[in-house]
Amino acid sequence: MSLAALLLLVATACRSDKVFTSMSDSTFVHVMIELRTLPVGVTGDASGRALQRDSILRQFGVTGPDMESTAVRLARNPQQAAEIWRAIEATAFTPP
């Protein structure tokens, strides 16, 4: 999945409030790494996936709007967004 598609997915999936707060880049990276562990393309379990997503957000003390705000901020700075994406990719595919 491309960075632009991922940022768009986060921004649209989490939209619920127009008041945004910011979070650190490292928190964004950690949340995205955890979100990428959720199963994709499993039909019939949208509510279970949403519960897992909400649990991950709570674990890091962030909300959907927080993620959206950070995605919007990163979309405005492609160089920084690329660095963030590389950090997500590097960690996501590094064996424990």
N, C-alpha and C. Protein backbone atom coordinates (compact mmCIF):
# COMPACT_ATOMS: atom_id res chain seq x y z
N MET A 1 0.85 -1.16 0.00
CA MET A 1 0.00 0.00 0.00
C MET A 1 0.90 1.23 0.00
N SER A 2 0.58 2.18 -0.83
CA SER A 2 1.40 3.39 -0.92
C SER A 2 1.14 4.29 0.27
N LEU A 3 2.08 5.17 0.53
CA LEU A 3 1.95 6.11 1.64
C LEU A 3 0.73 6.99 1.46
N ALA A 4 0.50 7.49 0.27
CA ALA A 4 -0.65 8.35 0.03
C ALA A 4 -1.95 7.62 0.30
N ALA A 5 -2.04 6.37 -0.15
CA ALA A 5 -3.25 5.59 0.07
C ALA A 5 -3.46 5.31 1.55
N LEU A 6 -2.37 5.01 2.26
CA LEU A 6 -2.46 4.75 3.68
C LEU A 6 -2.90 5.98 4.45
N LEU A 7 -2.32 7.13 4.13
CA LEU A 7 -2.70 8.37 4.80
C LEU A 7 -4.15 8.73 4.51
N LEU A 8 -4.58 8.51 3.27
CA LEU A 8 -5.97 8.77 2.92
C LEU A 8 -6.90 7.83 3.67
N LEU A 9 -6.52 6.56 3.77
CA LEU A 9 -7.32 5.59 4.51
C LEU A 9 -7.46 5.99 5.97
N VAL A 10 -6.35 6.36 6.59
CA VAL A 10 -6.40 6.78 7.99
C VAL A 10 -7.26 8.02 8.13
N ALA A 11 -7.08 8.98 7.25
CA ALA A 11 -7.82 10.24 7.35
C ALA A 11 -9.32 10.02 7.18
N THR A 12 -9.72 9.18 6.25
CA THR A 12 -11.16 8.99 6.04
C THR A 12 -11.77 8.02 7.03
N ALA A 13 -11.04 7.02 7.44
CA ALA A 13 -11.57 6.03 8.37
C ALA A 13 -11.78 6.60 9.76
N CYS A 14 -10.98 7.58 10.12
CA CYS A 14 -11.01 8.11 11.47
C CYS A 14 -11.76 9.44 11.60
N ARG A 15 -12.30 9.96 10.52
CA ARG A 15 -12.93 11.29 10.57
C ARG A 15 -14.20 11.23 11.42
N SER A 16 -14.22 12.04 12.48
CA SER A 16 -15.42 12.13 13.28
C SER A 16 -15.52 13.45 14.02
N ASP A 17 -14.44 14.21 14.04
CA ASP A 17 -14.44 15.44 14.81
C ASP A 17 -13.57 16.46 14.08
N LYS A 18 -13.99 17.70 14.08
CA LYS A 18 -13.24 18.73 13.37
C LYS A 18 -12.18 19.40 14.24
N VAL A 19 -12.10 19.06 15.52
CA VAL A 19 -11.09 19.62 16.40
C VAL A 19 -9.95 18.62 16.51
N PHE A 20 -8.81 18.99 15.94
CA PHE A 20 -7.69 18.06 15.90
C PHE A 20 -6.62 18.44 16.91
N THR A 21 -5.93 17.44 17.38
CA THR A 21 -4.76 17.65 18.21
C THR A 21 -3.59 17.00 17.50
N SER A 22 -2.40 17.27 17.97
CA SER A 22 -1.23 16.67 17.32
C SER A 22 -0.62 15.62 18.22
N MET A 23 0.14 14.74 17.63
CA MET A 23 0.87 13.71 18.37
C MET A 23 2.27 13.66 17.81
N SER A 24 3.16 13.04 18.54
CA SER A 24 4.54 12.94 18.07
C SER A 24 4.61 11.98 16.89
N ASP A 25 5.63 12.17 16.08
CA ASP A 25 5.84 11.27 14.94
C ASP A 25 6.08 9.85 15.43
N SER A 26 6.80 9.69 16.55
CA SER A 26 7.09 8.34 17.04
C SER A 26 5.80 7.63 17.48
N THR A 27 4.89 8.36 18.09
CA THR A 27 3.62 7.75 18.47
C THR A 27 2.85 7.33 17.23
N PHE A 28 2.83 8.20 16.22
CA PHE A 28 2.16 7.87 14.96
C PHE A 28 2.74 6.60 14.37
N VAL A 29 4.07 6.49 14.36
CA VAL A 29 4.73 5.30 13.82
C VAL A 29 4.30 4.06 14.59
N HIS A 30 4.35 4.13 15.91
CA HIS A 30 4.00 2.96 16.72
C HIS A 30 2.54 2.55 16.52
N VAL A 31 1.65 3.52 16.46
CA VAL A 31 0.23 3.20 16.24
C VAL A 31 0.05 2.55 14.88
N MET A 32 0.68 3.12 13.86
CA MET A 32 0.53 2.55 12.51
C MET A 32 1.09 1.14 12.42
N ILE A 33 2.19 0.89 13.10
CA ILE A 33 2.76 -0.47 13.11
C ILE A 33 1.74 -1.44 13.71
N GLU A 34 1.14 -1.04 14.82
CA GLU A 34 0.14 -1.91 15.46
C GLU A 34 -1.10 -2.07 14.58
N LEU A 35 -1.55 -0.99 13.95
CA LEU A 35 -2.73 -1.07 13.09
C LEU A 35 -2.49 -2.00 11.90
N ARG A 36 -1.24 -2.05 11.45
CA ARG A 36 -0.94 -2.92 10.30
C ARG A 36 -1.01 -4.39 10.65
N THR A 37 -1.07 -4.72 11.94
CA THR A 37 -1.20 -6.13 12.33
C THR A 37 -2.64 -6.63 12.22
N LEU A 38 -3.58 -5.71 12.05
CA LEU A 38 -4.98 -6.12 11.93
C LEU A 38 -5.20 -6.86 10.62
N PRO A 39 -6.03 -7.89 10.65
CA PRO A 39 -6.30 -8.64 9.42
C PRO A 39 -7.01 -7.76 8.39
N VAL A 40 -6.64 -7.94 7.13
CA VAL A 40 -7.23 -7.16 6.04
C VAL A 40 -8.00 -8.12 5.14
N GLY A 41 -9.13 -7.65 4.67
CA GLY A 41 -9.89 -8.43 3.69
C GLY A 41 -10.69 -9.56 4.29
N VAL A 42 -10.86 -9.58 5.61
CA VAL A 42 -11.68 -10.61 6.23
C VAL A 42 -13.12 -10.12 6.21
N THR A 43 -13.95 -10.80 5.46
CA THR A 43 -15.34 -10.35 5.36
C THR A 43 -16.15 -10.83 6.55
N GLY A 44 -17.13 -10.04 6.92
CA GLY A 44 -18.03 -10.44 7.98
C GLY A 44 -17.57 -10.11 9.39
N ASP A 45 -16.39 -9.53 9.55
CA ASP A 45 -15.91 -9.23 10.90
C ASP A 45 -15.50 -7.77 11.03
N ALA A 46 -16.26 -6.89 10.40
CA ALA A 46 -15.94 -5.46 10.45
C ALA A 46 -16.02 -4.93 11.87
N SER A 47 -16.99 -5.40 12.65
CA SER A 47 -17.12 -4.89 14.02
C SER A 47 -15.96 -5.36 14.88
N GLY A 48 -15.50 -6.58 14.68
CA GLY A 48 -14.35 -7.09 15.43
C GLY A 48 -13.09 -6.32 15.09
N ARG A 49 -12.92 -6.02 13.82
CA ARG A 49 -11.76 -5.23 13.38
C ARG A 49 -11.83 -3.81 13.97
N ALA A 50 -13.01 -3.22 14.00
CA ALA A 50 -13.17 -1.89 14.58
C ALA A 50 -12.85 -1.89 16.07
N LEU A 51 -13.28 -2.94 16.76
CA LEU A 51 -12.96 -3.06 18.19
C LEU A 51 -11.46 -3.17 18.40
N GLN A 52 -10.79 -3.96 17.57
CA GLN A 52 -9.33 -4.09 17.67
C GLN A 52 -8.65 -2.76 17.39
N ARG A 53 -9.13 -2.06 16.35
CA ARG A 53 -8.56 -0.76 16.02
C ARG A 53 -8.72 0.22 17.18
N ASP A 54 -9.91 0.27 17.74
CA ASP A 54 -10.15 1.17 18.87
C ASP A 54 -9.30 0.82 20.07
N SER A 55 -9.08 -0.46 20.28
CA SER A 55 -8.23 -0.91 21.39
C SER A 55 -6.78 -0.45 21.19
N ILE A 56 -6.30 -0.53 19.96
CA ILE A 56 -4.93 -0.07 19.66
C ILE A 56 -4.83 1.43 19.89
N LEU A 57 -5.81 2.18 19.43
CA LEU A 57 -5.78 3.63 19.63
C LEU A 57 -5.76 3.97 21.12
N ARG A 58 -6.60 3.28 21.90
CA ARG A 58 -6.63 3.52 23.35
C ARG A 58 -5.30 3.16 24.01
N GLN A 59 -4.69 2.09 23.54
CA GLN A 59 -3.40 1.65 24.10
C GLN A 59 -2.36 2.76 24.02
N PHE A 60 -2.41 3.56 22.96
CA PHE A 60 -1.45 4.64 22.78
C PHE A 60 -2.00 6.00 23.21
N GLY A 61 -3.22 6.01 23.71
CA GLY A 61 -3.82 7.25 24.19
C GLY A 61 -4.13 8.26 23.09
N VAL A 62 -4.49 7.75 21.91
CA VAL A 62 -4.83 8.63 20.79
C VAL A 62 -6.23 8.29 20.30
N THR A 63 -6.74 9.17 19.46
CA THR A 63 -8.07 8.98 18.88
C THR A 63 -7.97 8.97 17.36
N GLY A 64 -9.06 8.63 16.72
CA GLY A 64 -9.12 8.71 15.27
C GLY A 64 -8.79 10.10 14.76
N PRO A 65 -9.41 11.14 15.35
CA PRO A 65 -9.08 12.50 14.92
C PRO A 65 -7.60 12.85 15.12
N ASP A 66 -6.97 12.32 16.17
CA ASP A 66 -5.53 12.55 16.36
C ASP A 66 -4.74 11.97 15.19
N MET A 67 -5.12 10.76 14.78
CA MET A 67 -4.44 10.11 13.67
C MET A 67 -4.66 10.89 12.38
N GLU A 68 -5.90 11.36 12.20
CA GLU A 68 -6.22 12.13 11.00
C GLU A 68 -5.41 13.43 10.96
N SER A 69 -5.34 14.11 12.07
CA SER A 69 -4.60 15.36 12.15
C SER A 69 -3.14 15.16 11.80
N THR A 70 -2.56 14.10 12.33
CA THR A 70 -1.16 13.82 12.04
C THR A 70 -0.97 13.43 10.57
N ALA A 71 -1.91 12.65 10.03
CA ALA A 71 -1.83 12.28 8.61
C ALA A 71 -1.92 13.51 7.72
N VAL A 72 -2.79 14.45 8.07
CA VAL A 72 -2.92 15.69 7.30
C VAL A 72 -1.62 16.49 7.39
N ARG A 73 -1.07 16.58 8.58
CA ARG A 73 0.20 17.31 8.77
C ARG A 73 1.30 16.67 7.93
N LEU A 74 1.38 15.35 7.94
CA LEU A 74 2.41 14.66 7.18
C LEU A 74 2.19 14.81 5.67
N ALA A 75 0.94 14.84 5.25
CA ALA A 75 0.64 14.99 3.83
C ALA A 75 1.14 16.34 3.31
N ARG A 76 1.24 17.31 4.19
CA ARG A 76 1.73 18.63 3.80
C ARG A 76 3.25 18.69 3.72
N ASN A 77 3.93 17.66 4.19
CA ASN A 77 5.39 17.62 4.18
C ASN A 77 5.83 16.26 3.64
N PRO A 78 5.86 16.09 2.32
CA PRO A 78 6.15 14.79 1.73
C PRO A 78 7.49 14.18 2.16
N GLN A 79 8.50 15.01 2.38
CA GLN A 79 9.79 14.46 2.80
C GLN A 79 9.68 13.83 4.19
N GLN A 80 9.03 14.53 5.10
CA GLN A 80 8.85 13.98 6.44
C GLN A 80 7.95 12.75 6.39
N ALA A 81 6.90 12.80 5.57
CA ALA A 81 6.00 11.66 5.43
C ALA A 81 6.75 10.43 4.93
N ALA A 82 7.66 10.64 3.99
CA ALA A 82 8.45 9.52 3.46
C ALA A 82 9.34 8.92 4.55
N GLU A 83 9.92 9.76 5.39
CA GLU A 83 10.75 9.27 6.49
C GLU A 83 9.90 8.46 7.48
N ILE A 84 8.72 8.97 7.78
CA ILE A 84 7.81 8.27 8.69
C ILE A 84 7.42 6.92 8.09
N TRP A 85 7.08 6.91 6.82
CA TRP A 85 6.69 5.66 6.15
C TRP A 85 7.83 4.66 6.19
N ARG A 86 9.06 5.11 5.94
CA ARG A 86 10.20 4.19 6.00
C ARG A 86 10.35 3.61 7.41
N ALA A 87 10.12 4.42 8.42
CA ALA A 87 10.20 3.92 9.80
C ALA A 87 9.13 2.87 10.07
N ILE A 88 7.94 3.11 9.56
CA ILE A 88 6.84 2.14 9.72
C ILE A 88 7.20 0.85 9.00
N GLU A 89 7.63 0.96 7.77
CA GLU A 89 7.98 -0.21 6.97
C GLU A 89 9.14 -0.99 7.59
N ALA A 90 10.18 -0.30 8.03
CA ALA A 90 11.36 -0.96 8.58
C ALA A 90 11.01 -1.75 9.84
N THR A 91 10.21 -1.16 10.68
CA THR A 91 9.84 -1.83 11.92
C THR A 91 8.83 -2.94 11.68
N ALA A 92 7.92 -2.71 10.77
CA ALA A 92 6.88 -3.70 10.50
C ALA A 92 7.44 -4.99 9.93
N PHE A 93 8.55 -4.90 9.23
CA PHE A 93 9.10 -6.10 8.60
C PHE A 93 10.40 -6.58 9.25
N THR A 94 10.70 -6.08 10.43
CA THR A 94 11.88 -6.53 11.16
C THR A 94 11.46 -7.67 12.09
N PRO A 95 12.08 -8.84 11.95
CA PRO A 95 11.72 -9.95 12.83
C PRO A 95 12.03 -9.61 14.30
N PRO A 96 11.23 -10.15 15.23
CA PRO A 96 11.47 -9.86 16.66
C PRO A 96 12.80 -10.40 17.15
